[in-house]
Amino acid sequence: MLIKQSRRDELTASDFLQAARQYVNDRFGLALGSLTAHEAAQILISRGVSRDTADGFKGLLQDAEDAIYTGKGGQRFEASAQVAMVVNALEKEIR
């Protein structure tokens, strides 16, 4: 679902953060109401994902957080092209 959403041209930073939180919750059986970039990276590393891949996901989350906190959360998420690449790497490493 996260990859599918990232392919939409209208994916916003807010949409990405919500989809990323849902992805982590669904993938790992969690029920987190909020998720920081640092927390996401720690969860991924604890589940066997390499630091480089976890840092890639963390970077995407930080970019989205920055966009939101600067009033650009409703605008197109500029890093959306990288989402599919990072999530595909996550999926390979989690299995």
PDB file of N, CA and C in Angstrom:
ATOM      1  N   MET A   1       0.827  -1.195   0.000  1.00  0.00           N
ATOM      2  CA  MET A   1       0.000   0.000   0.000  1.00  0.00           C
ATOM      3  C   MET A   1       0.866   1.251   0.000  1.00  0.00           C
ATOM      4  N   LEU A   2       1.948   1.244   0.768  1.00  0.00           N
ATOM      5  CA  LEU A   2       2.828   2.406   0.825  1.00  0.00           C
ATOM      6  C   LEU A   2       3.459   2.667  -0.536  1.00  0.00           C
ATOM      7  N   ILE A   3       3.886   1.613  -1.223  1.00  0.00           N
ATOM      8  CA  ILE A   3       4.475   1.782  -2.550  1.00  0.00           C
ATOM      9  C   ILE A   3       3.427   2.295  -3.521  1.00  0.00           C
ATOM     10  N   LYS A   4       2.240   1.732  -3.453  1.00  0.00           N
ATOM     11  CA  LYS A   4       1.163   2.163  -4.354  1.00  0.00           C
ATOM     12  C   LYS A   4       0.867   3.644  -4.152  1.00  0.00           C
ATOM     13  N   GLN A   5       0.792   4.075  -2.909  1.00  0.00           N
ATOM     14  CA  GLN A   5       0.526   5.482  -2.632  1.00  0.00           C
ATOM     15  C   GLN A   5       1.664   6.375  -3.105  1.00  0.00           C
ATOM     16  N   SER A   6       2.888   5.885  -3.020  1.00  0.00           N
ATOM     17  CA  SER A   6       4.028   6.707  -3.415  1.00  0.00           C
ATOM     18  C   SER A   6       4.058   6.954  -4.911  1.00  0.00           C
ATOM     19  N   ARG A   7       3.414   6.114  -5.662  1.00  0.00           N
ATOM     20  CA  ARG A   7       3.403   6.269  -7.121  1.00  0.00           C
ATOM     21  C   ARG A   7       2.383   7.295  -7.592  1.00  0.00           C
ATOM     22  N   ARG A   8       1.520   7.707  -6.699  1.00  0.00           N
ATOM     23  CA  ARG A   8       0.554   8.757  -7.045  1.00  0.00           C
ATOM     24  C   ARG A   8       1.298  10.085  -7.085  1.00  0.00           C
ATOM     25  N   ASP A   9       1.037  10.855  -8.081  1.00  0.00           N
ATOM     26  CA  ASP A   9       1.695  12.158  -8.199  1.00  0.00           C
ATOM     27  C   ASP A   9       1.289  13.113  -7.095  1.00  0.00           C
ATOM     28  N   GLU A  10       0.144  12.868  -6.475  1.00  0.00           N
ATOM     29  CA  GLU A  10      -0.349  13.810  -5.477  1.00  0.00           C
ATOM     30  C   GLU A  10      -0.035  13.411  -4.034  1.00  0.00           C
ATOM     31  N   LEU A  11       0.880  12.470  -3.829  1.00  0.00           N
ATOM     32  CA  LEU A  11       1.251  12.068  -2.476  1.00  0.00           C
ATOM     33  C   LEU A  11       1.830  13.272  -1.737  1.00  0.00           C
ATOM     34  N   THR A  12       1.254  13.578  -0.581  1.00  0.00           N
ATOM     35  CA  THR A  12       1.748  14.695   0.231  1.00  0.00           C
ATOM     36  C   THR A  12       2.597  14.154   1.371  1.00  0.00           C
ATOM     37  N   ALA A  13       3.330  15.053   2.019  1.00  0.00           N
ATOM     38  CA  ALA A  13       4.144  14.655   3.174  1.00  0.00           C
ATOM     39  C   ALA A  13       3.255  14.087   4.271  1.00  0.00           C
ATOM     40  N   SER A  14       2.116  14.703   4.494  1.00  0.00           N
ATOM     41  CA  SER A  14       1.180  14.206   5.517  1.00  0.00           C
ATOM     42  C   SER A  14       0.682  12.812   5.172  1.00  0.00           C
ATOM     43  N   ASP A  15       0.337  12.599   3.893  1.00  0.00           N
ATOM     44  CA  ASP A  15      -0.104  11.281   3.443  1.00  0.00           C
ATOM     45  C   ASP A  15       0.994  10.246   3.665  1.00  0.00           C
ATOM     46  N   PHE A  16       2.229  10.624   3.329  1.00  0.00           N
ATOM     47  CA  PHE A  16       3.336   9.693   3.472  1.00  0.00           C
ATOM     48  C   PHE A  16       3.542   9.302   4.926  1.00  0.00           C
ATOM     49  N   LEU A  17       3.539  10.268   5.835  1.00  0.00           N
ATOM     50  CA  LEU A  17       3.749   9.937   7.250  1.00  0.00           C
ATOM     51  C   LEU A  17       2.667   8.998   7.759  1.00  0.00           C
ATOM     52  N   GLN A  18       1.435   9.242   7.372  1.00  0.00           N
ATOM     53  CA  GLN A  18       0.340   8.378   7.795  1.00  0.00           C
ATOM     54  C   GLN A  18       0.509   6.974   7.213  1.00  0.00           C
ATOM     55  N   ALA A  19       0.851   6.898   5.929  1.00  0.00           N
ATOM     56  CA  ALA A  19       1.027   5.596   5.280  1.00  0.00           C
ATOM     57  C   ALA A  19       2.240   4.856   5.854  1.00  0.00           C
ATOM     58  N   ALA A  20       3.307   5.578   6.164  1.00  0.00           N
ATOM     59  CA  ALA A  20       4.507   4.947   6.735  1.00  0.00           C
ATOM     60  C   ALA A  20       4.214   4.376   8.117  1.00  0.00           C
ATOM     61  N   ARG A  21       3.479   5.121   8.931  1.00  0.00           N
ATOM     62  CA  ARG A  21       3.107   4.623  10.264  1.00  0.00           C
ATOM     63  C   ARG A  21       2.246   3.369  10.122  1.00  0.00           C
ATOM     64  N   GLN A  22       1.297   3.399   9.203  1.00  0.00           N
ATOM     65  CA  GLN A  22       0.425   2.242   8.984  1.00  0.00           C
ATOM     66  C   GLN A  22       1.233   1.046   8.491  1.00  0.00           C
ATOM     67  N   TYR A  23       2.196   1.301   7.621  1.00  0.00           N
ATOM     68  CA  TYR A  23       3.058   0.224   7.111  1.00  0.00           C
ATOM     69  C   TYR A  23       3.811  -0.446   8.256  1.00  0.00           C
ATOM     70  N   VAL A  24       4.447   0.348   9.108  1.00  0.00           N
ATOM     71  CA  VAL A  24       5.209  -0.212  10.231  1.00  0.00           C
ATOM     72  C   VAL A  24       4.277  -0.960  11.177  1.00  0.00           C
ATOM     73  N   ASN A  25       3.127  -0.381  11.487  1.00  0.00           N
ATOM     74  CA  ASN A  25       2.160  -1.056  12.359  1.00  0.00           C
ATOM     75  C   ASN A  25       1.723  -2.389  11.770  1.00  0.00           C
ATOM     76  N   ASP A  26       1.322  -2.378  10.504  1.00  0.00           N
ATOM     77  CA  ASP A  26       0.820  -3.596   9.866  1.00  0.00           C
ATOM     78  C   ASP A  26       1.915  -4.647   9.700  1.00  0.00           C
ATOM     79  N   ARG A  27       3.079  -4.219   9.278  1.00  0.00           N
ATOM     80  CA  ARG A  27       4.176  -5.144   8.976  1.00  0.00           C
ATOM     81  C   ARG A  27       4.688  -5.856  10.223  1.00  0.00           C
ATOM     82  N   PHE A  28       4.656  -5.151  11.358  1.00  0.00           N
ATOM     83  CA  PHE A  28       5.233  -5.713  12.572  1.00  0.00           C
ATOM     84  C   PHE A  28       4.217  -5.970  13.674  1.00  0.00           C
ATOM     85  N   GLY A  29       2.940  -5.873  13.364  1.00  0.00           N
ATOM     86  CA  GLY A  29       1.903  -6.166  14.345  1.00  0.00           C
ATOM     87  C   GLY A  29       1.888  -5.190  15.504  1.00  0.00           C
ATOM     88  N   LEU A  30       2.146  -3.932  15.217  1.00  0.00           N
ATOM     89  CA  LEU A  30       2.174  -2.898  16.253  1.00  0.00           C
ATOM     90  C   LEU A  30       0.913  -2.053  16.185  1.00  0.00           C
ATOM     91  N   ALA A  31       0.733  -1.205  17.184  1.00  0.00           N
ATOM     92  CA  ALA A  31      -0.421  -0.300  17.222  1.00  0.00           C
ATOM     93  C   ALA A  31       0.033   1.082  17.685  1.00  0.00           C
ATOM     94  N   LEU A  32       1.020   1.621  16.986  1.00  0.00           N
ATOM     95  CA  LEU A  32       1.560   2.916  17.371  1.00  0.00           C
ATOM     96  C   LEU A  32       0.675   4.042  16.849  1.00  0.00           C
ATOM     97  N   GLY A  33       0.354   4.991  17.714  1.00  0.00           N
ATOM     98  CA  GLY A  33      -0.451   6.139  17.306  1.00  0.00           C
ATOM     99  C   GLY A  33       0.388   7.199  16.628  1.00  0.00           C
ATOM    100  N   SER A  34       1.653   7.257  16.990  1.00  0.00           N
ATOM    101  CA  SER A  34       2.587   8.179  16.341  1.00  0.00           C
ATOM    102  C   SER A  34       3.904   7.438  16.169  1.00  0.00           C
ATOM    103  N   LEU A  35       4.721   7.959  15.280  1.00  0.00           N
ATOM    104  CA  LEU A  35       5.973   7.290  14.976  1.00  0.00           C
ATOM    105  C   LEU A  35       6.977   8.332  14.507  1.00  0.00           C
ATOM    106  N   THR A  36       8.050   8.492  15.263  1.00  0.00           N
ATOM    107  CA  THR A  36       9.086   9.423  14.833  1.00  0.00           C
ATOM    108  C   THR A  36      10.048   8.690  13.900  1.00  0.00           C
ATOM    109  N   ALA A  37      10.839   9.448  13.184  1.00  0.00           N
ATOM    110  CA  ALA A  37      11.829   8.872  12.278  1.00  0.00           C
ATOM    111  C   ALA A  37      12.801   7.992  13.056  1.00  0.00           C
ATOM    112  N   HIS A  38      13.239   8.468  14.211  1.00  0.00           N
ATOM    113  CA  HIS A  38      14.184   7.715  15.032  1.00  0.00           C
ATOM    114  C   HIS A  38      13.557   6.396  15.512  1.00  0.00           C
ATOM    115  N   GLU A  39      12.313   6.464  15.977  1.00  0.00           N
ATOM    116  CA  GLU A  39      11.632   5.251  16.444  1.00  0.00           C
ATOM    117  C   GLU A  39      11.490   4.237  15.308  1.00  0.00           C
ATOM    118  N   ALA A  40      11.140   4.718  14.136  1.00  0.00           N
ATOM    119  CA  ALA A  40      10.972   3.820  12.993  1.00  0.00           C
ATOM    120  C   ALA A  40      12.278   3.109  12.674  1.00  0.00           C
ATOM    121  N   ALA A  41      13.374   3.855  12.658  1.00  0.00           N
ATOM    122  CA  ALA A  41      14.680   3.254  12.366  1.00  0.00           C
ATOM    123  C   ALA A  41      15.037   2.202  13.414  1.00  0.00           C
ATOM    124  N   GLN A  42      14.784   2.489  14.680  1.00  0.00           N
ATOM    125  CA  GLN A  42      15.087   1.531  15.741  1.00  0.00           C
ATOM    126  C   GLN A  42      14.255   0.256  15.604  1.00  0.00           C
ATOM    127  N   ILE A  43      12.988   0.404  15.254  1.00  0.00           N
ATOM    128  CA  ILE A  43      12.123  -0.769  15.051  1.00  0.00           C
ATOM    129  C   ILE A  43      12.659  -1.610  13.905  1.00  0.00           C
ATOM    130  N   LEU A  44      12.997  -0.962  12.805  1.00  0.00           N
ATOM    131  CA  LEU A  44      13.480  -1.683  11.632  1.00  0.00           C
ATOM    132  C   LEU A  44      14.783  -2.425  11.936  1.00  0.00           C
ATOM    133  N   ILE A  45      15.702  -1.765  12.594  1.00  0.00           N
ATOM    134  CA  ILE A  45      16.981  -2.393  12.934  1.00  0.00           C
ATOM    135  C   ILE A  45      16.756  -3.584  13.863  1.00  0.00           C
ATOM    136  N   SER A  46      15.842  -3.432  14.817  1.00  0.00           N
ATOM    137  CA  SER A  46      15.565  -4.533  15.747  1.00  0.00           C
ATOM    138  C   SER A  46      14.917  -5.728  15.048  1.00  0.00           C
ATOM    139  N   ARG A  47      14.367  -5.492  13.858  1.00  0.00           N
ATOM    140  CA  ARG A  47      13.734  -6.568  13.093  1.00  0.00           C
ATOM    141  C   ARG A  47      14.630  -7.098  11.978  1.00  0.00           C
ATOM    142  N   GLY A  48      15.909  -6.713  12.008  1.00  0.00           N
ATOM    143  CA  GLY A  48      16.858  -7.293  11.071  1.00  0.00           C
ATOM    144  C   GLY A  48      17.185  -6.478   9.847  1.00  0.00           C
ATOM    145  N   VAL A  49      16.669  -5.284   9.750  1.00  0.00           N
ATOM    146  CA  VAL A  49      16.957  -4.423   8.605  1.00  0.00           C
ATOM    147  C   VAL A  49      18.328  -3.782   8.820  1.00  0.00           C
ATOM    148  N   SER A  50      19.097  -3.660   7.747  1.00  0.00           N
ATOM    149  CA  SER A  50      20.422  -3.051   7.860  1.00  0.00           C
ATOM    150  C   SER A  50      20.297  -1.578   8.258  1.00  0.00           C
ATOM    151  N   ARG A  51      21.348  -1.069   8.865  1.00  0.00           N
ATOM    152  CA  ARG A  51      21.360   0.338   9.279  1.00  0.00           C
ATOM    153  C   ARG A  51      21.198   1.264   8.072  1.00  0.00           C
ATOM    154  N   ASP A  52      21.828   0.918   6.941  1.00  0.00           N
ATOM    155  CA  ASP A  52      21.724   1.766   5.747  1.00  0.00           C
ATOM    156  C   ASP A  52      20.277   1.873   5.261  1.00  0.00           C
ATOM    157  N   THR A  53      19.597   0.746   5.204  1.00  0.00           N
ATOM    158  CA  THR A  53      18.207   0.755   4.743  1.00  0.00           C
ATOM    159  C   THR A  53      17.307   1.462   5.757  1.00  0.00           C
ATOM    160  N   ALA A  54      17.520   1.182   7.036  1.00  0.00           N
ATOM    161  CA  ALA A  54      16.741   1.856   8.079  1.00  0.00           C
ATOM    162  C   ALA A  54      16.972   3.368   8.023  1.00  0.00           C
ATOM    163  N   ASP A  55      18.216   3.767   7.784  1.00  0.00           N
ATOM    164  CA  ASP A  55      18.512   5.197   7.667  1.00  0.00           C
ATOM    165  C   ASP A  55      17.847   5.819   6.440  1.00  0.00           C
ATOM    166  N   GLY A  56      17.709   5.049   5.364  1.00  0.00           N
ATOM    167  CA  GLY A  56      16.999   5.542   4.183  1.00  0.00           C
ATOM    168  C   GLY A  56      15.540   5.828   4.497  1.00  0.00           C
ATOM    169  N   PHE A  57      14.908   4.910   5.230  1.00  0.00           N
ATOM    170  CA  PHE A  57      13.510   5.105   5.631  1.00  0.00           C
ATOM    171  C   PHE A  57      13.410   6.270   6.608  1.00  0.00           C
ATOM    172  N   LYS A  58      14.346   6.328   7.526  1.00  0.00           N
ATOM    173  CA  LYS A  58      14.386   7.428   8.502  1.00  0.00           C
ATOM    174  C   LYS A  58      14.518   8.769   7.785  1.00  0.00           C
ATOM    175  N   GLY A  59      15.349   8.824   6.770  1.00  0.00           N
ATOM    176  CA  GLY A  59      15.529  10.054   6.004  1.00  0.00           C
ATOM    177  C   GLY A  59      14.249  10.503   5.321  1.00  0.00           C
ATOM    178  N   LEU A  60      13.507   9.547   4.763  1.00  0.00           N
ATOM    179  CA  LEU A  60      12.226   9.883   4.138  1.00  0.00           C
ATOM    180  C   LEU A  60      11.254  10.454   5.172  1.00  0.00           C
ATOM    181  N   LEU A  61      11.202   9.809   6.342  1.00  0.00           N
ATOM    182  CA  LEU A  61      10.327  10.301   7.402  1.00  0.00           C
ATOM    183  C   LEU A  61      10.745  11.694   7.856  1.00  0.00           C
ATOM    184  N   GLN A  62      12.043  11.931   7.973  1.00  0.00           N
ATOM    185  CA  GLN A  62      12.517  13.254   8.384  1.00  0.00           C
ATOM    186  C   GLN A  62      12.171  14.315   7.340  1.00  0.00           C
ATOM    187  N   ASP A  63      12.298  13.959   6.059  1.00  0.00           N
ATOM    188  CA  ASP A  63      11.922  14.900   5.001  1.00  0.00           C
ATOM    189  C   ASP A  63      10.440  15.258   5.097  1.00  0.00           C
ATOM    190  N   ALA A  64       9.608  14.250   5.351  1.00  0.00           N
ATOM    191  CA  ALA A  64       8.168  14.492   5.468  1.00  0.00           C
ATOM    192  C   ALA A  64       7.861  15.333   6.707  1.00  0.00           C
ATOM    193  N   GLU A  65       8.521  15.019   7.830  1.00  0.00           N
ATOM    194  CA  GLU A  65       8.323  15.807   9.053  1.00  0.00           C
ATOM    195  C   GLU A  65       8.736  17.257   8.830  1.00  0.00           C
ATOM    196  N   ASP A  66       9.869  17.457   8.160  1.00  0.00           N
ATOM    197  CA  ASP A  66      10.336  18.820   7.871  1.00  0.00           C
ATOM    198  C   ASP A  66       9.321  19.577   7.024  1.00  0.00           C
ATOM    199  N   ALA A  67       8.768  18.901   6.029  1.00  0.00           N
ATOM    200  CA  ALA A  67       7.772  19.542   5.172  1.00  0.00           C
ATOM    201  C   ALA A  67       6.542  19.950   5.988  1.00  0.00           C
ATOM    202  N   ILE A  68       6.100  19.085   6.865  1.00  0.00           N
ATOM    203  CA  ILE A  68       4.927  19.382   7.679  1.00  0.00           C
ATOM    204  C   ILE A  68       5.193  20.557   8.609  1.00  0.00           C
ATOM    205  N   TYR A  69       6.334  20.526   9.281  1.00  0.00           N
ATOM    206  CA  TYR A  69       6.637  21.567  10.261  1.00  0.00           C
ATOM    207  C   TYR A  69       6.973  22.911   9.631  1.00  0.00           C
ATOM    208  N   THR A  70       7.198  22.922   8.312  1.00  0.00           N
ATOM    209  CA  THR A  70       7.426  24.196   7.629  1.00  0.00           C
ATOM    210  C   THR A  70       6.195  24.625   6.828  1.00  0.00           C
ATOM    211  N   GLY A  71       5.072  23.983   7.104  1.00  0.00           N
ATOM    212  CA  GLY A  71       3.814  24.375   6.474  1.00  0.00           C
ATOM    213  C   GLY A  71       3.598  23.812   5.091  1.00  0.00           C
ATOM    214  N   LYS A  72       4.367  22.805   4.702  1.00  0.00           N
ATOM    215  CA  LYS A  72       4.255  22.236   3.362  1.00  0.00           C
ATOM    216  C   LYS A  72       3.722  20.802   3.376  1.00  0.00           C
ATOM    217  N   GLY A  73       3.071  20.427   4.466  1.00  0.00           N
ATOM    218  CA  GLY A  73       2.576  19.062   4.601  1.00  0.00           C
ATOM    219  C   GLY A  73       1.504  18.678   3.613  1.00  0.00           C
ATOM    220  N   GLY A  74       0.777  19.663   3.110  1.00  0.00           N
ATOM    221  CA  GLY A  74      -0.274  19.397   2.144  1.00  0.00           C
ATOM    222  C   GLY A  74       0.189  19.481   0.702  1.00  0.00           C
ATOM    223  N   GLN A  75       1.447  19.790   0.496  1.00  0.00           N
ATOM    224  CA  GLN A  75       1.997  19.871  -0.851  1.00  0.00           C
ATOM    225  C   GLN A  75       2.582  18.533  -1.266  1.00  0.00           C
ATOM    226  N   ARG A  76       2.819  18.381  -2.554  1.00  0.00           N
ATOM    227  CA  ARG A  76       3.388  17.144  -3.086  1.00  0.00           C
ATOM    228  C   ARG A  76       4.690  16.818  -2.357  1.00  0.00           C
ATOM    229  N   PHE A  77       4.839  15.562  -1.942  1.00  0.00           N
ATOM    230  CA  PHE A  77       6.028  15.104  -1.235  1.00  0.00           C
ATOM    231  C   PHE A  77       7.130  14.865  -2.252  1.00  0.00           C
ATOM    232  N   GLU A  78       8.151  15.693  -2.208  1.00  0.00           N
ATOM    233  CA  GLU A  78       9.211  15.662  -3.210  1.00  0.00           C
ATOM    234  C   GLU A  78       9.997  14.355  -3.221  1.00  0.00           C
ATOM    235  N   ALA A  79      10.096  13.682  -2.100  1.00  0.00           N
ATOM    236  CA  ALA A  79      10.877  12.447  -2.016  1.00  0.00           C
ATOM    237  C   ALA A  79      10.063  11.206  -2.372  1.00  0.00           C
ATOM    238  N   SER A  80       8.855  11.380  -2.875  1.00  0.00           N
ATOM    239  CA  SER A  80       7.985  10.226  -3.123  1.00  0.00           C
ATOM    240  C   SER A  80       8.589   9.242  -4.118  1.00  0.00           C
ATOM    241  N   ALA A  81       9.436   9.706  -5.017  1.00  0.00           N
ATOM    242  CA  ALA A  81      10.065   8.804  -5.987  1.00  0.00           C
ATOM    243  C   ALA A  81      10.995   7.805  -5.312  1.00  0.00           C
ATOM    244  N   GLN A  82      11.519   8.130  -4.155  1.00  0.00           N
ATOM    245  CA  GLN A  82      12.443   7.247  -3.437  1.00  0.00           C
ATOM    246  C   GLN A  82      11.725   6.224  -2.565  1.00  0.00           C
ATOM    247  N   VAL A  83      10.452   6.438  -2.298  1.00  0.00           N
ATOM    248  CA  VAL A  83       9.720   5.576  -1.369  1.00  0.00           C
ATOM    249  C   VAL A  83       9.714   4.127  -1.827  1.00  0.00           C
ATOM    250  N   ALA A  84       9.371   3.866  -3.086  1.00  0.00           N
ATOM    251  CA  ALA A  84       9.292   2.489  -3.571  1.00  0.00           C
ATOM    252  C   ALA A  84      10.640   1.783  -3.446  1.00  0.00           C
ATOM    253  N   MET A  85      11.714   2.472  -3.765  1.00  0.00           N
ATOM    254  CA  MET A  85      13.044   1.883  -3.681  1.00  0.00           C
ATOM    255  C   MET A  85      13.373   1.481  -2.240  1.00  0.00           C
ATOM    256  N   VAL A  86      13.096   2.368  -1.294  1.00  0.00           N
ATOM    257  CA  VAL A  86      13.412   2.095   0.110  1.00  0.00           C
ATOM    258  C   VAL A  86      12.518   0.985   0.660  1.00  0.00           C
ATOM    259  N   VAL A  87      11.236   1.026   0.356  1.00  0.00           N
ATOM    260  CA  VAL A  87      10.320  -0.003   0.868  1.00  0.00           C
ATOM    261  C   VAL A  87      10.653  -1.365   0.265  1.00  0.00           C
ATOM    262  N   ASN A  88      11.019  -1.410  -1.010  1.00  0.00           N
ATOM    263  CA  ASN A  88      11.425  -2.689  -1.606  1.00  0.00           C
ATOM    264  C   ASN A  88      12.655  -3.245  -0.896  1.00  0.00           C
ATOM    265  N   ALA A  89      13.603  -2.391  -0.563  1.00  0.00           N
ATOM    266  CA  ALA A  89      14.786  -2.834   0.179  1.00  0.00           C
ATOM    267  C   ALA A  89      14.387  -3.347   1.556  1.00  0.00           C
ATOM    268  N   LEU A  90      13.464  -2.648   2.213  1.00  0.00           N
ATOM    269  CA  LEU A  90      12.979  -3.100   3.527  1.00  0.00           C
ATOM    270  C   LEU A  90      12.391  -4.501   3.427  1.00  0.00           C
ATOM    271  N   GLU A  91      11.535  -4.693   2.445  1.00  0.00           N
ATOM    272  CA  GLU A  91      10.856  -5.972   2.309  1.00  0.00           C
ATOM    273  C   GLU A  91      11.852  -7.114   2.070  1.00  0.00           C
ATOM    274  N   LYS A  92      12.890  -6.871   1.298  1.00  0.00           N
ATOM    275  CA  LYS A  92      13.893  -7.904   1.060  1.00  0.00           C
ATOM    276  C   LYS A  92      14.646  -8.258   2.328  1.00  0.00           C
ATOM    277  N   GLU A  93      14.917  -7.264   3.153  1.00  0.00           N
ATOM    278  CA  GLU A  93      15.705  -7.496   4.354  1.00  0.00           C
ATOM    279  C   GLU A  93      14.888  -8.059   5.518  1.00  0.00           C
ATOM    280  N   ILE A  94      13.609  -7.778   5.542  1.00  0.00           N
ATOM    281  CA  ILE A  94      12.745  -8.259   6.624  1.00  0.00           C
ATOM    282  C   ILE A  94      12.485  -9.764   6.472  1.00  0.00           C
ATOM    283  N   ARG A  95      12.385 -10.241   5.280  1.00  0.00           N
ATOM    284  CA  ARG A  95      12.021 -11.647   5.033  1.00  0.00           C
ATOM    285  C   ARG A  95      13.041 -12.606   5.504  1.00  0.00           C
TER     286      ARG A  95
END
